[in-house]
Amino acid sequence: MNYSENVWRFLVENRHMKNEFERGSQRVFRFPNGFGASVVKRVFSGGLDGTYGATEGRYELAVLAFSSEDSRGLTYETPITNDVLGWLTPDEVEAHLQAIANLWVV
């Protein structure tokens, strides 16, 4: 997936999984406002479901809140979503990442 330069420069983790149990990727973004996102596409072997929409080539996105340099967790209390977003196209992922980057910290 290609991201705009505005988003790509905030990539802090880029993992690829390919083994007998799973294949896919996870990218973690951290923005200056203390929020970030985990963007995942993962398919499991043996007929197990993967991330929402992965078998159709779609992505799953979760909003993260960073409390320190090394500590982060999912947050469900943003205007972006109160859950994980699934079945996203690359353009939809980009739009959500831009929205997360523009969140205000209260």
PDB file of N, CA and C in Angstrom:
ATOM      1  N   MET A   1       0.843  -1.164   0.000  1.00  0.00           N
ATOM      2  CA  MET A   1       0.000   0.000   0.000  1.00  0.00           C
ATOM      3  C   MET A   1       0.893   1.233   0.000  1.00  0.00           C
ATOM      4  N   ASN A   2       0.558   2.171  -0.822  1.00  0.00           N
ATOM      5  CA  ASN A   2       1.309   3.422  -0.884  1.00  0.00           C
ATOM      6  C   ASN A   2       0.572   4.504  -0.106  1.00  0.00           C
ATOM      7  N   TYR A   3       1.313   5.219   0.710  1.00  0.00           N
ATOM      8  CA  TYR A   3       0.751   6.317   1.490  1.00  0.00           C
ATOM      9  C   TYR A   3       1.339   7.619   0.983  1.00  0.00           C
ATOM     10  N   SER A   4       0.636   8.709   1.262  1.00  0.00           N
ATOM     11  CA  SER A   4       1.190  10.013   0.917  1.00  0.00           C
ATOM     12  C   SER A   4       2.372  10.297   1.847  1.00  0.00           C
ATOM     13  N   GLU A   5       3.204  11.225   1.458  1.00  0.00           N
ATOM     14  CA  GLU A   5       4.356  11.607   2.275  1.00  0.00           C
ATOM     15  C   GLU A   5       3.910  12.145   3.630  1.00  0.00           C
ATOM     16  N   ASN A   6       2.757  12.813   3.672  1.00  0.00           N
ATOM     17  CA  ASN A   6       2.246  13.341   4.941  1.00  0.00           C
ATOM     18  C   ASN A   6       2.014  12.247   5.971  1.00  0.00           C
ATOM     19  N   VAL A   7       1.650  11.060   5.537  1.00  0.00           N
ATOM     20  CA  VAL A   7       1.369   9.947   6.439  1.00  0.00           C
ATOM     21  C   VAL A   7       2.590   9.050   6.596  1.00  0.00           C
ATOM     22  N   TRP A   8       3.259   8.746   5.504  1.00  0.00           N
ATOM     23  CA  TRP A   8       4.371   7.787   5.502  1.00  0.00           C
ATOM     24  C   TRP A   8       5.476   8.167   6.486  1.00  0.00           C
ATOM     25  N   ARG A   9       5.732   9.430   6.672  1.00  0.00           N
ATOM     26  CA  ARG A   9       6.825   9.861   7.553  1.00  0.00           C
ATOM     27  C   ARG A   9       6.545   9.560   9.018  1.00  0.00           C
ATOM     28  N   PHE A  10       5.317   9.187   9.362  1.00  0.00           N
ATOM     29  CA  PHE A  10       4.963   8.847  10.740  1.00  0.00           C
ATOM     30  C   PHE A  10       4.910   7.340  10.991  1.00  0.00           C
ATOM     31  N   LEU A  11       5.369   6.560  10.029  1.00  0.00           N
ATOM     32  CA  LEU A  11       5.440   5.109  10.197  1.00  0.00           C
ATOM     33  C   LEU A  11       6.528   4.780  11.215  1.00  0.00           C
ATOM     34  N   VAL A  12       6.184   4.019  12.272  1.00  0.00           N
ATOM     35  CA  VAL A  12       7.157   3.675  13.310  1.00  0.00           C
ATOM     36  C   VAL A  12       7.417   2.172  13.380  1.00  0.00           C
ATOM     37  N   GLU A  13       6.571   1.388  12.731  1.00  0.00           N
ATOM     38  CA  GLU A  13       6.763  -0.063  12.766  1.00  0.00           C
ATOM     39  C   GLU A  13       6.178  -0.658  11.490  1.00  0.00           C
ATOM     40  N   ASN A  14       6.928  -1.576  10.874  1.00  0.00           N
ATOM     41  CA  ASN A  14       6.503  -2.200   9.627  1.00  0.00           C
ATOM     42  C   ASN A  14       6.850  -3.680   9.705  1.00  0.00           C
ATOM     43  N   ARG A  15       5.855  -4.518   9.966  1.00  0.00           N
ATOM     44  CA  ARG A  15       6.089  -5.954  10.143  1.00  0.00           C
ATOM     45  C   ARG A  15       5.410  -6.747   9.037  1.00  0.00           C
ATOM     46  N   HIS A  16       6.114  -7.776   8.580  1.00  0.00           N
ATOM     47  CA  HIS A  16       5.542  -8.696   7.600  1.00  0.00           C
ATOM     48  C   HIS A  16       5.568 -10.097   8.190  1.00  0.00           C
ATOM     49  N   MET A  17       4.465 -10.804   8.061  1.00  0.00           N
ATOM     50  CA  MET A  17       4.368 -12.159   8.567  1.00  0.00           C
ATOM     51  C   MET A  17       4.165 -13.105   7.393  1.00  0.00           C
ATOM     52  N   LYS A  18       4.967 -14.124   7.337  1.00  0.00           N
ATOM     53  CA  LYS A  18       4.766 -15.152   6.324  1.00  0.00           C
ATOM     54  C   LYS A  18       5.357 -16.444   6.876  1.00  0.00           C
ATOM     55  N   ASN A  19       4.478 -17.301   7.376  1.00  0.00           N
ATOM     56  CA  ASN A  19       4.896 -18.585   7.894  1.00  0.00           C
ATOM     57  C   ASN A  19       3.765 -19.582   7.654  1.00  0.00           C
ATOM     58  N   GLU A  20       3.865 -20.760   8.232  1.00  0.00           N
ATOM     59  CA  GLU A  20       2.857 -21.781   7.977  1.00  0.00           C
ATOM     60  C   GLU A  20       1.502 -21.459   8.606  1.00  0.00           C
ATOM     61  N   PHE A  21       1.450 -20.508   9.519  1.00  0.00           N
ATOM     62  CA  PHE A  21       0.213 -20.180  10.215  1.00  0.00           C
ATOM     63  C   PHE A  21      -0.480 -18.921   9.712  1.00  0.00           C
ATOM     64  N   GLU A  22       0.305 -17.975   9.213  1.00  0.00           N
ATOM     65  CA  GLU A  22      -0.272 -16.694   8.809  1.00  0.00           C
ATOM     66  C   GLU A  22       0.587 -16.012   7.756  1.00  0.00           C
ATOM     67  N   ARG A  23      -0.055 -15.106   7.040  1.00  0.00           N
ATOM     68  CA  ARG A  23       0.677 -14.230   6.131  1.00  0.00           C
ATOM     69  C   ARG A  23      -0.021 -12.880   6.142  1.00  0.00           C
ATOM     70  N   GLY A  24       0.777 -11.836   6.053  1.00  0.00           N
ATOM     71  CA  GLY A  24       0.199 -10.507   6.048  1.00  0.00           C
ATOM     72  C   GLY A  24       1.170  -9.451   6.524  1.00  0.00           C
ATOM     73  N   SER A  25       0.620  -8.309   6.917  1.00  0.00           N
ATOM     74  CA  SER A  25       1.462  -7.195   7.342  1.00  0.00           C
ATOM     75  C   SER A  25       0.747  -6.357   8.395  1.00  0.00           C
ATOM     76  N   GLN A  26       1.563  -5.636   9.164  1.00  0.00           N
ATOM     77  CA  GLN A  26       1.055  -4.653  10.115  1.00  0.00           C
ATOM     78  C   GLN A  26       1.952  -3.428  10.033  1.00  0.00           C
ATOM     79  N   ARG A  27       1.324  -2.283   9.922  1.00  0.00           N
ATOM     80  CA  ARG A  27       2.047  -1.018   9.957  1.00  0.00           C
ATOM     81  C   ARG A  27       1.474  -0.171  11.084  1.00  0.00           C
ATOM     82  N   VAL A  28       2.371   0.372  11.892  1.00  0.00           N
ATOM     83  CA  VAL A  28       1.963   1.214  13.012  1.00  0.00           C
ATOM     84  C   VAL A  28       2.443   2.632  12.735  1.00  0.00           C
ATOM     85  N   PHE A  29       1.526   3.578  12.902  1.00  0.00           N
ATOM     86  CA  PHE A  29       1.814   4.991  12.704  1.00  0.00           C
ATOM     87  C   PHE A  29       1.666   5.717  14.035  1.00  0.00           C
ATOM     88  N   ARG A  30       2.518   6.710  14.247  1.00  0.00           N
ATOM     89  CA  ARG A  30       2.430   7.556  15.439  1.00  0.00           C
ATOM     90  C   ARG A  30       2.519   9.006  15.000  1.00  0.00           C
ATOM     91  N   PHE A  31       1.498   9.770  15.356  1.00  0.00           N
ATOM     92  CA  PHE A  31       1.428  11.167  14.965  1.00  0.00           C
ATOM     93  C   PHE A  31       1.810  12.072  16.135  1.00  0.00           C
ATOM     94  N   PRO A  32       2.229  13.303  15.870  1.00  0.00           N
ATOM     95  CA  PRO A  32       2.667  14.220  16.930  1.00  0.00           C
ATOM     96  C   PRO A  32       1.591  14.515  17.984  1.00  0.00           C
ATOM     97  N   ASN A  33       0.327  14.312  17.663  1.00  0.00           N
ATOM     98  CA  ASN A  33      -0.755  14.599  18.606  1.00  0.00           C
ATOM     99  C   ASN A  33      -0.947  13.496  19.655  1.00  0.00           C
ATOM    100  N   GLY A  34      -0.125  12.450  19.623  1.00  0.00           N
ATOM    101  CA  GLY A  34      -0.226  11.363  20.594  1.00  0.00           C
ATOM    102  C   GLY A  34      -1.122  10.220  20.163  1.00  0.00           C
ATOM    103  N   PHE A  35      -1.760  10.374  19.007  1.00  0.00           N
ATOM    104  CA  PHE A  35      -2.570   9.303  18.462  1.00  0.00           C
ATOM    105  C   PHE A  35      -1.805   8.598  17.350  1.00  0.00           C
ATOM    106  N   GLY A  36      -2.290   7.449  16.989  1.00  0.00           N
ATOM    107  CA  GLY A  36      -1.684   6.696  15.896  1.00  0.00           C
ATOM    108  C   GLY A  36      -2.672   5.683  15.388  1.00  0.00           C
ATOM    109  N   ALA A  37      -2.161   4.744  14.609  1.00  0.00           N
ATOM    110  CA  ALA A  37      -3.025   3.708  14.056  1.00  0.00           C
ATOM    111  C   ALA A  37      -2.225   2.451  13.779  1.00  0.00           C
ATOM    112  N   SER A  38      -2.917   1.349  13.887  1.00  0.00           N
ATOM    113  CA  SER A  38      -2.393   0.063  13.462  1.00  0.00           C
ATOM    114  C   SER A  38      -3.196  -0.337  12.239  1.00  0.00           C
ATOM    115  N   VAL A  39      -2.503  -0.553  11.124  1.00  0.00           N
ATOM    116  CA  VAL A  39      -3.148  -0.963   9.877  1.00  0.00           C
ATOM    117  C   VAL A  39      -2.683  -2.379   9.581  1.00  0.00           C
ATOM    118  N   VAL A  40      -3.634  -3.303   9.507  1.00  0.00           N
ATOM    119  CA  VAL A  40      -3.298  -4.719   9.423  1.00  0.00           C
ATOM    120  C   VAL A  40      -4.052  -5.373   8.275  1.00  0.00           C
ATOM    121  N   LYS A  41      -3.357  -6.291   7.621  1.00  0.00           N
ATOM    122  CA  LYS A  41      -3.990  -7.229   6.692  1.00  0.00           C
ATOM    123  C   LYS A  41      -3.331  -8.569   6.959  1.00  0.00           C
ATOM    124  N   ARG A  42      -4.080  -9.499   7.546  1.00  0.00           N
ATOM    125  CA  ARG A  42      -3.512 -10.784   7.955  1.00  0.00           C
ATOM    126  C   ARG A  42      -4.507 -11.898   7.653  1.00  0.00           C
ATOM    127  N   VAL A  43      -4.008 -12.951   6.981  1.00  0.00           N
ATOM    128  CA  VAL A  43      -4.807 -14.124   6.663  1.00  0.00           C
ATOM    129  C   VAL A  43      -4.172 -15.319   7.358  1.00  0.00           C
ATOM    130  N   PHE A  44      -5.004 -16.099   8.043  1.00  0.00           N
ATOM    131  CA  PHE A  44      -4.518 -17.284   8.741  1.00  0.00           C
ATOM    132  C   PHE A  44      -4.767 -18.530   7.903  1.00  0.00           C
ATOM    133  N   SER A  45      -3.917 -19.537   8.066  1.00  0.00           N
ATOM    134  CA  SER A  45      -4.086 -20.792   7.341  1.00  0.00           C
ATOM    135  C   SER A  45      -5.098 -21.674   8.058  1.00  0.00           C
ATOM    136  N   GLY A  46      -5.475 -22.744   7.404  1.00  0.00           N
ATOM    137  CA  GLY A  46      -6.380 -23.699   8.023  1.00  0.00           C
ATOM    138  C   GLY A  46      -7.822 -23.238   8.087  1.00  0.00           C
ATOM    139  N   GLY A  47      -8.197 -22.282   7.269  1.00  0.00           N
ATOM    140  CA  GLY A  47      -9.578 -21.829   7.225  1.00  0.00           C
ATOM    141  C   GLY A  47      -9.981 -20.869   8.320  1.00  0.00           C
ATOM    142  N   LEU A  48      -9.035 -20.441   9.137  1.00  0.00           N
ATOM    143  CA  LEU A  48      -9.362 -19.472  10.190  1.00  0.00           C
ATOM    144  C   LEU A  48      -9.505 -18.081   9.588  1.00  0.00           C
ATOM    145  N   ASP A  49     -10.432 -17.314  10.140  1.00  0.00           N
ATOM    146  CA  ASP A  49     -10.615 -15.941   9.668  1.00  0.00           C
ATOM    147  C   ASP A  49      -9.398 -15.102  10.011  1.00  0.00           C
ATOM    148  N   GLY A  50      -9.089 -14.161   9.170  1.00  0.00           N
ATOM    149  CA  GLY A  50      -8.016 -13.222   9.448  1.00  0.00           C
ATOM    150  C   GLY A  50      -8.613 -11.890   9.867  1.00  0.00           C
ATOM    151  N   THR A  51      -7.928 -10.825   9.547  1.00  0.00           N
ATOM    152  CA  THR A  51      -8.457  -9.501   9.849  1.00  0.00           C
ATOM    153  C   THR A  51      -9.638  -9.213   8.931  1.00  0.00           C
ATOM    154  N   TYR A  52     -10.475  -8.269   9.353  1.00  0.00           N
ATOM    155  CA  TYR A  52     -11.703  -7.961   8.622  1.00  0.00           C
ATOM    156  C   TYR A  52     -11.402  -7.519   7.187  1.00  0.00           C
ATOM    157  N   GLY A  53     -11.774  -8.355   6.232  1.00  0.00           N
ATOM    158  CA  GLY A  53     -11.626  -8.031   4.821  1.00  0.00           C
ATOM    159  C   GLY A  53     -10.335  -8.488   4.180  1.00  0.00           C
ATOM    160  N   ALA A  54      -9.450  -9.125   4.915  1.00  0.00           N
ATOM    161  CA  ALA A  54      -8.134  -9.497   4.382  1.00  0.00           C
ATOM    162  C   ALA A  54      -8.236 -10.454   3.200  1.00  0.00           C
ATOM    163  N   THR A  55      -9.176 -11.381   3.242  1.00  0.00           N
ATOM    164  CA  THR A  55      -9.292 -12.333   2.138  1.00  0.00           C
ATOM    165  C   THR A  55      -9.768 -11.658   0.863  1.00  0.00           C
ATOM    166  N   GLU A  56     -10.336 -10.455   0.979  1.00  0.00           N
ATOM    167  CA  GLU A  56     -10.748  -9.667  -0.188  1.00  0.00           C
ATOM    168  C   GLU A  56      -9.732  -8.582  -0.518  1.00  0.00           C
ATOM    169  N   GLY A  57      -8.549  -8.622   0.119  1.00  0.00           N
ATOM    170  CA  GLY A  57      -7.509  -7.637  -0.148  1.00  0.00           C
ATOM    171  C   GLY A  57      -7.719  -6.313   0.562  1.00  0.00           C
ATOM    172  N   ARG A  58      -8.579  -6.307   1.567  1.00  0.00           N
ATOM    173  CA  ARG A  58      -8.878  -5.079   2.302  1.00  0.00           C
ATOM    174  C   ARG A  58      -8.096  -5.026   3.611  1.00  0.00           C
ATOM    175  N   TYR A  59      -8.139  -3.880   4.266  1.00  0.00           N
ATOM    176  CA  TYR A  59      -7.354  -3.624   5.473  1.00  0.00           C
ATOM    177  C   TYR A  59      -8.240  -3.387   6.686  1.00  0.00           C
ATOM    178  N   GLU A  60      -7.643  -3.574   7.857  1.00  0.00           N
ATOM    179  CA  GLU A  60      -8.291  -3.290   9.133  1.00  0.00           C
ATOM    180  C   GLU A  60      -7.485  -2.200   9.824  1.00  0.00           C
ATOM    181  N   LEU A  61      -8.156  -1.250  10.448  1.00  0.00           N
ATOM    182  CA  LEU A  61      -7.483  -0.130  11.098  1.00  0.00           C
ATOM    183  C   LEU A  61      -8.019   0.030  12.518  1.00  0.00           C
ATOM    184  N   ALA A  62      -7.109   0.215  13.461  1.00  0.00           N
ATOM    185  CA  ALA A  62      -7.463   0.517  14.845  1.00  0.00           C
ATOM    186  C   ALA A  62      -6.749   1.796  15.247  1.00  0.00           C
ATOM    187  N   VAL A  63      -7.445   2.652  15.972  1.00  0.00           N
ATOM    188  CA  VAL A  63      -6.856   3.897  16.463  1.00  0.00           C
ATOM    189  C   VAL A  63      -6.076   3.588  17.737  1.00  0.00           C
ATOM    190  N   LEU A  64      -4.870   4.136  17.823  1.00  0.00           N
ATOM    191  CA  LEU A  64      -4.011   3.945  18.984  1.00  0.00           C
ATOM    192  C   LEU A  64      -3.841   5.260  19.731  1.00  0.00           C
ATOM    193  N   ALA A  65      -3.637   5.138  21.044  1.00  0.00           N
ATOM    194  CA  ALA A  65      -3.256   6.281  21.873  1.00  0.00           C
ATOM    195  C   ALA A  65      -1.916   5.943  22.503  1.00  0.00           C
ATOM    196  N   PHE A  66      -0.945   6.826  22.356  1.00  0.00           N
ATOM    197  CA  PHE A  66       0.392   6.629  22.917  1.00  0.00           C
ATOM    198  C   PHE A  66       0.470   7.374  24.240  1.00  0.00           C
ATOM    199  N   SER A  67       0.874   6.662  25.312  1.00  0.00           N
ATOM    200  CA  SER A  67       1.023   7.316  26.609  1.00  0.00           C
ATOM    201  C   SER A  67       2.487   7.614  26.930  1.00  0.00           C
ATOM    202  N   SER A  68       3.389   6.993  26.192  1.00  0.00           N
ATOM    203  CA  SER A  68       4.817   7.261  26.322  1.00  0.00           C
ATOM    204  C   SER A  68       5.499   6.784  25.048  1.00  0.00           C
ATOM    205  N   GLU A  69       6.791   6.895  25.008  1.00  0.00           N
ATOM    206  CA  GLU A  69       7.555   6.489  23.822  1.00  0.00           C
ATOM    207  C   GLU A  69       7.326   5.028  23.471  1.00  0.00           C
ATOM    208  N   ASP A  70       7.218   4.183  24.488  1.00  0.00           N
ATOM    209  CA  ASP A  70       7.102   2.747  24.252  1.00  0.00           C
ATOM    210  C   ASP A  70       5.745   2.166  24.603  1.00  0.00           C
ATOM    211  N   SER A  71       4.819   2.975  25.054  1.00  0.00           N
ATOM    212  CA  SER A  71       3.533   2.455  25.512  1.00  0.00           C
ATOM    213  C   SER A  71       2.402   2.978  24.646  1.00  0.00           C
ATOM    214  N   ARG A  72       1.619   2.041  24.139  1.00  0.00           N
ATOM    215  CA  ARG A  72       0.474   2.400  23.309  1.00  0.00           C
ATOM    216  C   ARG A  72      -0.632   1.392  23.545  1.00  0.00           C
ATOM    217  N   GLY A  73      -1.837   1.809  23.220  1.00  0.00           N
ATOM    218  CA  GLY A  73      -2.978   0.911  23.347  1.00  0.00           C
ATOM    219  C   GLY A  73      -4.096   1.362  22.439  1.00  0.00           C
ATOM    220  N   LEU A  74      -5.016   0.453  22.172  1.00  0.00           N
ATOM    221  CA  LEU A  74      -6.177   0.801  21.367  1.00  0.00           C
ATOM    222  C   LEU A  74      -7.035   1.797  22.126  1.00  0.00           C
ATOM    223  N   THR A  75      -7.610   2.734  21.403  1.00  0.00           N
ATOM    224  CA  THR A  75      -8.569   3.652  22.002  1.00  0.00           C
ATOM    225  C   THR A  75      -9.849   3.614  21.175  1.00  0.00           C
ATOM    226  N   TYR A  76     -10.953   3.594  21.883  1.00  0.00           N
ATOM    227  CA  TYR A  76     -12.264   3.555  21.239  1.00  0.00           C
ATOM    228  C   TYR A  76     -13.029   4.845  21.495  1.00  0.00           C
ATOM    229  N   GLU A  77     -12.339   5.874  21.939  1.00  0.00           N
ATOM    230  CA  GLU A  77     -12.985   7.118  22.320  1.00  0.00           C
ATOM    231  C   GLU A  77     -12.491   8.289  21.479  1.00  0.00           C
ATOM    232  N   THR A  78     -12.614   8.145  20.170  1.00  0.00           N
ATOM    233  CA  THR A  78     -12.269   9.235  19.257  1.00  0.00           C
ATOM    234  C   THR A  78     -13.434   9.433  18.290  1.00  0.00           C
ATOM    235  N   PRO A  79     -13.479  10.574  17.628  1.00  0.00           N
ATOM    236  CA  PRO A  79     -14.517  10.777  16.613  1.00  0.00           C
ATOM    237  C   PRO A  79     -14.319   9.872  15.387  1.00  0.00           C
ATOM    238  N   ILE A  80     -13.151   9.255  15.270  1.00  0.00           N
ATOM    239  CA  ILE A  80     -12.875   8.389  14.120  1.00  0.00           C
ATOM    240  C   ILE A  80     -13.733   7.134  14.191  1.00  0.00           C
ATOM    241  N   THR A  81     -13.698   6.456  15.328  1.00  0.00           N
ATOM    242  CA  THR A  81     -14.480   5.237  15.502  1.00  0.00           C
ATOM    243  C   THR A  81     -14.499   4.824  16.967  1.00  0.00           C
ATOM    244  N   ASN A  82     -15.489   4.040  17.333  1.00  0.00           N
ATOM    245  CA  ASN A  82     -15.537   3.454  18.668  1.00  0.00           C
ATOM    246  C   ASN A  82     -15.272   1.950  18.592  1.00  0.00           C
ATOM    247  N   ASP A  83     -14.642   1.527  17.496  1.00  0.00           N
ATOM    248  CA  ASP A  83     -14.333   0.115  17.275  1.00  0.00           C
ATOM    249  C   ASP A  83     -13.183   0.025  16.270  1.00  0.00           C
ATOM    250  N   VAL A  84     -12.863  -1.171  15.879  1.00  0.00           N
ATOM    251  CA  VAL A  84     -11.901  -1.391  14.802  1.00  0.00           C
ATOM    252  C   VAL A  84     -12.649  -1.227  13.483  1.00  0.00           C
ATOM    253  N   LEU A  85     -12.009  -0.602  12.503  1.00  0.00           N
ATOM    254  CA  LEU A  85     -12.610  -0.443  11.183  1.00  0.00           C
ATOM    255  C   LEU A  85     -12.072  -1.529  10.259  1.00  0.00           C
ATOM    256  N   GLY A  86     -12.939  -2.224   9.581  1.00  0.00           N
ATOM    257  CA  GLY A  86     -12.511  -3.291   8.682  1.00  0.00           C
ATOM    258  C   GLY A  86     -12.977  -3.065   7.259  1.00  0.00           C
ATOM    259  N   TRP A  87     -12.509  -3.936   6.371  1.00  0.00           N
ATOM    260  CA  TRP A  87     -12.869  -3.947   4.962  1.00  0.00           C
ATOM    261  C   TRP A  87     -12.563  -2.615   4.277  1.00  0.00           C
ATOM    262  N   LEU A  88     -11.432  -1.992   4.638  1.00  0.00           N
ATOM    263  CA  LEU A  88     -11.064  -0.683   4.100  1.00  0.00           C
ATOM    264  C   LEU A  88     -10.207  -0.809   2.842  1.00  0.00           C
ATOM    265  N   THR A  89     -10.468   0.043   1.876  1.00  0.00           N
ATOM    266  CA  THR A  89      -9.613   0.147   0.695  1.00  0.00           C
ATOM    267  C   THR A  89      -8.386   0.980   1.065  1.00  0.00           C
ATOM    268  N   PRO A  90      -7.335   0.941   0.256  1.00  0.00           N
ATOM    269  CA  PRO A  90      -6.173   1.794   0.532  1.00  0.00           C
ATOM    270  C   PRO A  90      -6.536   3.281   0.638  1.00  0.00           C
ATOM    271  N   ASP A  91      -7.430   3.770  -0.203  1.00  0.00           N
ATOM    272  CA  ASP A  91      -7.837   5.177  -0.130  1.00  0.00           C
ATOM    273  C   ASP A  91      -8.572   5.483   1.171  1.00  0.00           C
ATOM    274  N   GLU A  92      -9.390   4.552   1.639  1.00  0.00           N
ATOM    275  CA  GLU A  92     -10.095   4.750   2.903  1.00  0.00           C
ATOM    276  C   GLU A  92      -9.120   4.747   4.079  1.00  0.00           C
ATOM    277  N   VAL A  93      -8.122   3.866   4.022  1.00  0.00           N
ATOM    278  CA  VAL A  93      -7.099   3.848   5.074  1.00  0.00           C
ATOM    279  C   VAL A  93      -6.387   5.189   5.124  1.00  0.00           C
ATOM    280  N   GLU A  94      -5.983   5.689   3.977  1.00  0.00           N
ATOM    281  CA  GLU A  94      -5.295   6.987   3.897  1.00  0.00           C
ATOM    282  C   GLU A  94      -6.159   8.097   4.496  1.00  0.00           C
ATOM    283  N   ALA A  95      -7.443   8.122   4.169  1.00  0.00           N
ATOM    284  CA  ALA A  95      -8.337   9.157   4.688  1.00  0.00           C
ATOM    285  C   ALA A  95      -8.454   9.068   6.214  1.00  0.00           C
ATOM    286  N   HIS A  96      -8.557   7.858   6.744  1.00  0.00           N
ATOM    287  CA  HIS A  96      -8.641   7.696   8.199  1.00  0.00           C
ATOM    288  C   HIS A  96      -7.334   8.089   8.881  1.00  0.00           C
ATOM    289  N   LEU A  97      -6.206   7.757   8.274  1.00  0.00           N
ATOM    290  CA  LEU A  97      -4.912   8.154   8.851  1.00  0.00           C
ATOM    291  C   LEU A  97      -4.792   9.673   8.900  1.00  0.00           C
ATOM    292  N   GLN A  98      -5.212  10.336   7.846  1.00  0.00           N
ATOM    293  CA  GLN A  98      -5.180  11.812   7.840  1.00  0.00           C
ATOM    294  C   GLN A  98      -6.077  12.372   8.941  1.00  0.00           C
ATOM    295  N   ALA A  99      -7.256  11.769   9.124  1.00  0.00           N
ATOM    296  CA  ALA A  99      -8.180  12.235  10.161  1.00  0.00           C
ATOM    297  C   ALA A  99      -7.593  12.024  11.556  1.00  0.00           C
ATOM    298  N   ILE A 100      -6.929  10.898  11.767  1.00  0.00           N
ATOM    299  CA  ILE A 100      -6.292  10.628  13.065  1.00  0.00           C
ATOM    300  C   ILE A 100      -5.169  11.629  13.315  1.00  0.00           C
ATOM    301  N   ALA A 101      -4.391  11.917  12.294  1.00  0.00           N
ATOM    302  CA  ALA A 101      -3.288  12.886  12.425  1.00  0.00           C
ATOM    303  C   ALA A 101      -3.805  14.275  12.780  1.00  0.00           C
ATOM    304  N   ASN A 102      -5.059  14.571  12.404  1.00  0.00           N
ATOM    305  CA  ASN A 102      -5.630  15.890  12.653  1.00  0.00           C
ATOM    306  C   ASN A 102      -6.453  15.981  13.935  1.00  0.00           C
ATOM    307  N   LEU A 103      -6.520  14.894  14.720  1.00  0.00           N
ATOM    308  CA  LEU A 103      -7.263  14.940  15.981  1.00  0.00           C
ATOM    309  C   LEU A 103      -6.610  15.941  16.936  1.00  0.00           C
ATOM    310  N   TRP A 104      -7.444  16.626  17.680  1.00  0.00           N
ATOM    311  CA  TRP A 104      -6.966  17.551  18.699  1.00  0.00           C
ATOM    312  C   TRP A 104      -6.864  16.841  20.022  1.00  0.00           C
ATOM    313  N   VAL A 105      -5.836  17.154  20.768  1.00  0.00           N
ATOM    314  CA  VAL A 105      -5.697  16.620  22.122  1.00  0.00           C
ATOM    315  C   VAL A 105      -6.319  17.621  23.075  1.00  0.00           C
ATOM    316  N   VAL A 106      -7.226  17.159  23.903  1.00  0.00           N
ATOM    317  CA  VAL A 106      -7.935  18.049  24.836  1.00  0.00           C
ATOM    318  C   VAL A 106      -7.230  18.080  26.172  1.00  0.00           C
TER     319      VAL A 106
END
